[in-house]
Amino acid sequence: MFITRAAAIACLLGSVALSSASIAAEIKFGIGVAEGDYPEYNAVLRFKEYVEFKTNGELTVRLFPGNQLGGEREMLEQVQQGSLELTLPADGAMAGFYPPMQVWSIPYIFESAPIAWEVMTGPFGDAMRQDILEVTGMRALAFSQNGFRSFTNNTRPIINPEDMAGLKIRTMESPVYMEMVNSLGATAVPISGAEVVMALRQGVVDGQENPPAVVYSGGHGEVQQYYTLNEHTFGLHVIVANNDWFESLSPGHQQIIQDAAALAAWTENLEKTEGDWLYSRRLQEELGMEIHVSSPEEKAAFRDVVQEPVLQFVRGNVGDELVDELLAEVEAVKARLYGSAAASAE
């Protein structure tokens, strides 16, 4: 039995289509945290699983954890240049490419994680993500919670602001974090995230500041004795994509990538919040760290010393308008979440 020429062509085209569909496009996603049961890794793993499931395997995501591709700055440069599709930098590293990012780092601006979540996903956060695209050429798909940052050190417990005097504290390579530490009487030493543990082990710095999940997963707890949960700043992560790659995708795939970024952000938000107590307990029980949870009065003492100098510093760097917009958004969110309780607490 012979088949017609048209039928033969149809069969050939069908086999080519099946062959093409079986060749998945690989997406490279570089992150700093190591592989394991950590909020950041779980977040990008959710991203990978969602994308691969929703695209029927047409897109696959290859994760590069543990700074395999370099530190945060190096991975951002790779995304900007197009050799890497996605990365997850902290706000401090992002500020090196987009200085207005510093506005999030005003000490004690967020009284709770839910307030910060609303601001990150609201009009202020949306406007900043658009501005990041226009300024850097990189697409910020979502903001996520890196956690409330607190101080560790090997010298003494930090209970009051005076206890910071004379300490050398590692900060991210961000001017606003350096200003905050210097305002407390310590000396800020900017060091890449990939080099922090070595710097702590060698005594180049006395301490550093990070959320509990990062202190545990990053190995800081293995070389630090004291941890004070004073929660001075709310740290962010940014899911950053190469925009040329993103725009090369079909509209359907773009939506899946955007939805996957939102899922990853909420995964990290929830796990970082839960991690405040889970990882603090593990640091104490497994590594023997001495942990002090700051009282509201102790936090107020830190805020009185550090907030205004840093606020003025940030205003000088990013302008009054952006700072005032964030402050107004925070107050609006507090009123929406807590109603009259927020106003009466002022």
Protein backbone atom coordinates (compact mmCIF):
# COMPACT_ATOMS: atom_id res chain seq x y z
CA MET A 1 0.00 0.00 0.00
CA PHE A 2 1.34 3.39 -1.00
CA ILE A 3 0.71 6.68 0.79
CA THR A 4 0.10 9.94 -0.98
CA ARG A 5 2.75 12.66 -1.20
CA ALA A 6 0.64 14.92 1.05
CA ALA A 7 0.32 12.20 3.67
CA ALA A 8 4.07 11.58 3.57
CA ILE A 9 4.78 15.27 4.13
CA ALA A 10 2.29 15.35 7.00
CA CYS A 11 4.01 12.37 8.64
CA LEU A 12 7.41 14.01 8.20
CA LEU A 13 6.25 17.28 9.70
CA GLY A 14 4.65 15.42 12.59
CA SER A 15 7.88 13.58 13.36
CA VAL A 16 9.88 16.83 13.20
CA ALA A 17 7.40 18.48 15.57
CA LEU A 18 7.69 15.59 18.03
CA SER A 19 11.48 15.69 17.79
CA SER A 20 11.54 19.46 18.41
CA ALA A 21 9.17 19.19 21.35
CA SER A 22 11.41 16.58 22.94
CA ILE A 23 14.38 18.99 22.96
CA ALA A 24 13.80 21.10 26.05
CA ALA A 25 15.23 24.59 26.41
CA GLU A 26 17.49 24.72 29.48
CA ILE A 27 17.32 27.66 31.89
CA LYS A 28 20.33 28.22 34.14
CA PHE A 29 19.56 29.55 37.66
CA GLY A 30 22.55 30.47 39.85
CA ILE A 31 22.21 30.99 43.62
CA GLY A 32 24.54 31.50 46.55
CA VAL A 33 23.07 29.06 49.07
CA ALA A 34 24.11 25.42 49.00
CA GLU A 35 21.79 22.59 48.01
CA GLY A 36 19.71 21.41 50.95
CA ASP A 37 16.61 22.04 53.03
CA TYR A 38 17.07 25.82 53.14
CA PRO A 39 14.47 28.52 52.30
CA GLU A 40 16.39 29.89 49.31
CA TYR A 41 17.07 26.49 47.81
CA ASN A 42 13.52 25.30 48.46
CA ALA A 43 12.25 28.46 46.76
CA VAL A 44 14.23 27.97 43.56
CA LEU A 45 13.43 24.25 43.62
CA ARG A 46 9.71 25.17 43.63
CA PHE A 47 10.46 27.49 40.69
CA LYS A 48 12.10 24.64 38.79
CA GLU A 49 9.34 22.13 39.51
CA TYR A 50 6.57 24.56 38.59
CA VAL A 51 8.17 25.60 35.30
CA GLU A 52 8.94 22.08 34.18
CA PHE A 53 5.47 20.81 35.10
CA LYS A 54 3.53 23.70 33.56
CA THR A 55 5.52 23.63 30.29
CA ASN A 56 5.29 19.84 29.93
CA GLY A 57 9.07 19.73 30.01
CA GLU A 58 9.50 22.18 27.13
CA LEU A 59 11.53 24.31 29.55
CA THR A 60 13.91 22.75 32.06
CA VAL A 61 15.67 24.58 34.90
CA ARG A 62 19.22 23.69 35.89
CA LEU A 63 20.15 24.94 39.36
CA PHE A 64 23.67 26.04 40.23
CA PRO A 65 23.71 26.34 44.05
CA GLY A 66 26.57 27.11 46.42
CA ASN A 67 28.17 29.98 44.47
CA GLN A 68 29.25 27.55 41.73
CA LEU A 69 29.09 30.40 39.21
CA GLY A 70 30.68 33.03 41.48
CA GLY A 71 29.43 35.44 44.12
CA GLU A 72 26.24 37.45 43.88
CA ARG A 73 27.88 40.32 41.99
CA GLU A 74 29.45 37.94 39.48
CA MET A 75 26.14 36.17 38.86
CA LEU A 76 24.36 39.51 38.40
CA GLU A 77 26.97 40.47 35.83
CA GLN A 78 26.39 37.17 34.04
CA VAL A 79 22.64 37.80 33.97
CA GLN A 80 23.19 41.31 32.68
CA GLN A 81 25.52 40.01 29.95
CA GLY A 82 23.21 37.13 29.00
CA SER A 83 25.37 34.11 29.92
CA LEU A 84 23.02 33.28 32.84
CA GLU A 85 19.24 33.43 32.73
CA LEU A 86 18.37 33.81 36.43
CA THR A 87 19.87 34.56 39.83
CA LEU A 88 18.73 35.44 43.36
CA PRO A 89 20.85 38.29 44.79
CA ALA A 90 20.30 39.97 48.14
CA ASP A 91 19.36 43.64 48.24
CA GLY A 92 22.90 44.68 49.20
CA ALA A 93 24.40 43.14 46.07
CA MET A 94 21.55 44.46 43.95
CA ALA A 95 22.24 47.99 45.22
CA GLY A 96 25.58 47.88 43.40
CA PHE A 97 23.64 47.75 40.12
CA TYR A 98 20.56 49.67 41.24
CA PRO A 99 21.33 52.18 44.06
CA PRO A 100 17.65 52.96 44.92
CA MET A 101 17.49 49.43 46.35
CA GLN A 102 19.09 50.94 49.45
CA VAL A 103 15.73 52.40 50.50
CA TRP A 104 14.58 48.99 51.78
CA SER A 105 17.45 48.92 54.28
CA ILE A 106 16.29 51.73 56.58
CA PRO A 107 16.62 50.17 60.06
CA TYR A 108 13.45 49.14 61.90
CA ILE A 109 11.12 50.40 59.13
CA PHE A 110 9.12 47.14 59.06
CA GLU A 111 7.59 46.05 62.34
CA SER A 112 6.52 42.67 60.98
CA ALA A 113 7.04 40.44 57.96
CA PRO A 114 3.41 40.73 56.75
CA ILE A 115 3.84 44.51 56.44
CA ALA A 116 6.93 43.99 54.28
CA TRP A 117 5.16 41.38 52.13
CA GLU A 118 2.37 43.82 51.33
CA VAL A 119 4.84 46.55 50.39
CA MET A 120 6.94 44.19 48.23
CA THR A 121 3.93 43.08 46.18
CA GLY A 122 2.08 46.40 46.20
CA PRO A 123 2.34 49.58 44.11
CA PHE A 124 5.72 50.59 45.56
CA GLY A 125 7.27 47.21 44.79
CA ASP A 126 5.75 47.07 41.31
CA ALA A 127 7.05 50.54 40.44
CA MET A 128 10.54 49.64 41.61
CA ARG A 129 10.62 46.42 39.60
CA GLN A 130 9.74 48.42 36.49
CA ASP A 131 12.41 50.98 37.29
CA ILE A 132 15.01 48.23 37.75
CA LEU A 133 14.27 47.07 34.20
CA GLU A 134 14.62 50.58 32.81
CA VAL A 135 17.82 51.37 34.70
CA THR A 136 19.71 48.05 34.55
CA GLY A 137 18.17 46.20 31.62
CA MET A 138 17.53 43.24 33.95
CA ARG A 139 14.02 42.08 34.78
CA ALA A 140 13.15 41.81 38.48
CA LEU A 141 10.49 39.10 38.48
CA ALA A 142 9.73 39.25 42.20
CA PHE A 143 10.94 40.41 45.60
CA SER A 144 11.19 37.83 48.38
CA GLN A 145 12.08 37.81 52.04
CA ASN A 146 15.72 37.28 52.89
CA GLY A 147 14.75 37.78 56.52
CA PHE A 148 15.25 40.16 59.40
CA ARG A 149 18.98 40.67 59.78
CA SER A 150 20.67 40.43 63.18
CA PHE A 151 24.21 40.49 64.56
CA THR A 152 26.56 37.61 65.33
CA ASN A 153 30.07 37.98 66.74
CA ASN A 154 32.84 36.19 68.63
CA THR A 155 33.65 38.88 71.20
CA ARG A 156 30.66 39.40 73.52
CA PRO A 157 26.87 39.29 73.69
CA ILE A 158 25.29 42.36 72.08
CA ILE A 159 22.46 43.56 74.31
CA ASN A 160 22.66 47.36 73.98
CA PRO A 161 23.98 49.63 71.20
CA GLU A 162 27.10 50.32 73.30
CA ASP A 163 28.09 46.65 72.95
CA MET A 164 28.82 47.26 69.25
CA ALA A 165 31.71 49.61 70.01
CA GLY A 166 35.01 48.56 68.46
CA LEU A 167 33.71 45.45 66.70
CA LYS A 168 34.63 44.76 63.07
CA ILE A 169 31.41 43.64 61.40
CA ARG A 170 31.15 42.19 57.92
CA THR A 171 28.44 43.79 55.81
CA MET A 172 27.26 43.28 52.27
CA GLU A 173 28.90 45.49 49.69
CA SER A 174 26.25 48.16 50.21
CA PRO A 175 26.88 51.72 51.48
CA VAL A 176 23.68 51.81 53.54
CA TYR A 177 24.62 48.68 55.51
CA MET A 178 28.07 50.11 56.12
CA GLU A 179 26.56 53.39 57.35
CA MET A 180 24.26 51.50 59.73
CA VAL A 181 27.10 49.53 61.32
CA ASN A 182 29.36 52.57 61.57
CA SER A 183 26.55 54.56 63.20
CA LEU A 184 26.52 52.00 66.02
CA GLY A 185 30.19 52.56 66.79
CA ALA A 186 31.48 49.44 65.04
CA THR A 187 33.58 49.25 61.88
CA ALA A 188 31.87 47.99 58.75
CA VAL A 189 33.95 45.71 56.52
CA PRO A 190 32.30 44.92 53.15
CA ILE A 191 33.04 41.34 52.09
CA SER A 192 31.51 39.14 49.40
CA GLY A 193 29.05 36.56 50.71
CA ALA A 194 31.19 33.72 49.36
CA GLU A 195 34.13 34.83 51.55
CA VAL A 196 32.37 35.55 54.86
CA VAL A 197 33.01 32.26 56.66
CA MET A 198 36.71 32.38 55.84
CA ALA A 199 36.94 35.99 57.04
CA LEU A 200 35.25 35.05 60.31
CA ARG A 201 37.43 31.99 60.79
CA GLN A 202 40.63 33.98 60.19
CA GLY A 203 39.56 36.86 62.45
CA VAL A 204 39.50 39.42 59.65
CA VAL A 205 36.15 40.47 61.15
CA ASP A 206 34.61 39.82 64.56
CA GLY A 207 31.08 39.29 63.34
CA GLN A 208 28.47 39.70 60.63
CA GLU A 209 24.72 40.26 60.26
CA ASN A 210 22.21 37.92 58.67
CA PRO A 211 18.90 36.14 59.37
CA PRO A 212 18.94 32.82 61.29
CA ALA A 213 18.36 30.68 58.19
CA VAL A 214 21.38 32.22 56.46
CA VAL A 215 23.55 31.99 59.58
CA TYR A 216 22.77 28.27 59.73
CA SER A 217 22.87 27.36 56.03
CA GLY A 218 25.85 29.58 55.26
CA GLY A 219 28.07 28.08 57.95
CA HIS A 220 28.38 31.29 59.95
CA GLY A 221 27.10 29.58 63.08
CA GLU A 222 30.02 27.15 62.96
CA VAL A 223 32.51 29.98 63.47
CA GLN A 224 30.50 32.39 65.65
CA GLN A 225 29.63 32.25 69.36
CA TYR A 226 27.07 35.01 70.03
CA TYR A 227 23.87 35.85 68.16
CA THR A 228 21.57 38.75 69.06
CA LEU A 229 18.18 38.73 67.31
CA ASN A 230 17.75 42.50 67.24
CA GLU A 231 16.21 42.41 63.71
CA HIS A 232 17.65 45.74 62.62
CA THR A 233 16.80 45.52 58.93
CA PHE A 234 14.50 43.50 56.71
CA GLY A 235 16.57 41.91 53.98
CA LEU A 236 15.23 41.20 50.50
CA HIS A 237 16.09 38.83 47.71
CA VAL A 238 15.32 39.70 44.10
CA ILE A 239 14.56 37.07 41.46
CA VAL A 240 16.42 38.61 38.53
CA ALA A 241 16.21 37.50 34.89
CA ASN A 242 18.03 38.42 31.72
CA ASN A 243 15.41 40.47 29.90
CA ASP A 244 16.42 39.47 26.36
CA TRP A 245 15.98 35.82 27.31
CA PHE A 246 12.64 36.53 29.01
CA GLU A 247 11.29 38.43 26.01
CA SER A 248 12.38 35.63 23.66
CA LEU A 249 9.90 33.30 25.36
CA SER A 250 6.35 32.82 24.13
CA PRO A 251 3.69 34.81 26.04
CA GLY A 252 2.50 31.59 27.66
CA HIS A 253 5.97 30.68 28.86
CA GLN A 254 6.53 34.23 30.11
CA GLN A 255 3.44 33.92 32.28
CA ILE A 256 4.61 30.57 33.65
CA ILE A 257 8.03 32.04 34.51
CA GLN A 258 6.38 35.02 36.22
CA ASP A 259 4.00 32.75 38.17
CA ALA A 260 6.90 30.50 39.17
CA ALA A 261 8.78 33.53 40.50
CA ALA A 262 5.77 34.50 42.62
CA LEU A 263 5.55 30.94 43.96
CA ALA A 264 9.26 30.95 44.78
CA ALA A 265 8.92 34.30 46.57
CA TRP A 266 6.05 33.10 48.76
CA THR A 267 7.93 29.89 49.52
CA GLU A 268 10.89 31.88 50.79
CA ASN A 269 8.67 34.40 52.63
CA LEU A 270 6.99 31.68 54.66
CA GLU A 271 10.07 29.55 55.27
CA LYS A 272 12.22 32.53 56.28
CA THR A 273 9.60 33.64 58.79
CA GLU A 274 9.30 30.15 60.24
CA GLY A 275 13.08 29.86 60.12
CA ASP A 276 13.50 32.69 62.64
CA TRP A 277 12.68 30.27 65.43
CA LEU A 278 13.49 26.94 63.79
CA TYR A 279 17.03 27.87 62.77
CA SER A 280 17.70 29.80 65.97
CA ARG A 281 16.90 26.62 67.87
CA ARG A 282 19.18 24.57 65.62
CA LEU A 283 22.00 27.07 65.99
CA GLN A 284 21.68 26.85 69.74
CA GLU A 285 21.19 23.10 70.10
CA GLU A 286 23.46 21.82 67.33
CA LEU A 287 26.23 24.44 67.29
CA GLY A 288 26.12 25.83 70.79
CA MET A 289 25.58 29.46 69.87
CA GLU A 290 24.49 31.78 72.67
CA ILE A 291 21.31 33.46 71.41
CA HIS A 292 19.68 36.58 72.82
CA VAL A 293 16.26 37.69 71.57
CA SER A 294 16.05 41.48 71.89
CA SER A 295 13.09 42.86 73.80
CA PRO A 296 10.97 45.69 72.33
CA GLU A 297 12.74 48.10 74.68
CA GLU A 298 16.17 46.94 73.54
CA LYS A 299 15.13 47.29 69.89
CA ALA A 300 13.91 50.80 70.61
CA ALA A 301 17.34 51.69 72.02
CA PHE A 302 19.00 50.52 68.79
CA ARG A 303 16.40 52.33 66.67
CA ASP A 304 16.97 55.60 68.54
CA VAL A 305 20.69 55.44 67.77
CA VAL A 306 20.73 54.21 64.21
CA GLN A 307 17.51 55.00 62.33
CA GLU A 308 17.82 58.75 61.84
CA PRO A 309 21.49 58.77 60.68
CA VAL A 310 20.79 56.00 58.18
CA LEU A 311 17.54 57.64 57.08
CA GLN A 312 19.41 60.83 56.27
CA PHE A 313 22.15 58.86 54.53
CA VAL A 314 19.60 57.06 52.37
CA ARG A 315 17.83 60.33 51.55
CA GLY A 316 21.15 61.72 50.36
CA ASN A 317 21.71 58.70 48.12
CA VAL A 318 18.27 58.05 46.64
CA GLY A 319 16.38 61.31 47.22
CA ASP A 320 13.59 62.40 49.52
CA GLU A 321 10.79 61.40 47.13
CA LEU A 322 11.57 57.69 47.09
CA VAL A 323 12.07 57.56 50.86
CA ASP A 324 8.82 59.44 51.50
CA GLU A 325 6.95 57.13 49.11
CA LEU A 326 8.16 54.06 51.01
CA LEU A 327 7.37 55.56 54.41
CA ALA A 328 3.87 56.49 53.22
CA GLU A 329 3.30 53.01 51.76
CA VAL A 330 4.35 51.38 55.03
CA GLU A 331 1.88 53.53 56.99
CA ALA A 332 -0.90 52.77 54.50
CA VAL A 333 -0.24 49.04 54.76
CA LYS A 334 -0.20 49.17 58.55
CA ALA A 335 -3.55 50.97 58.56
CA ARG A 336 -5.00 48.44 56.11
CA LEU A 337 -3.72 45.42 58.04
CA TYR A 338 -4.28 46.60 61.59
CA GLY A 339 -6.86 49.40 61.29
CA SER A 340 -7.24 51.66 64.31
CA ALA A 341 -4.77 49.55 66.30
CA ALA A 342 -1.92 50.86 64.14
CA ALA A 343 -2.91 54.48 64.63
CA SER A 344 -3.30 54.10 68.40
CA ALA A 345 0.14 52.50 68.64
CA GLU A 346 1.83 55.59 67.22
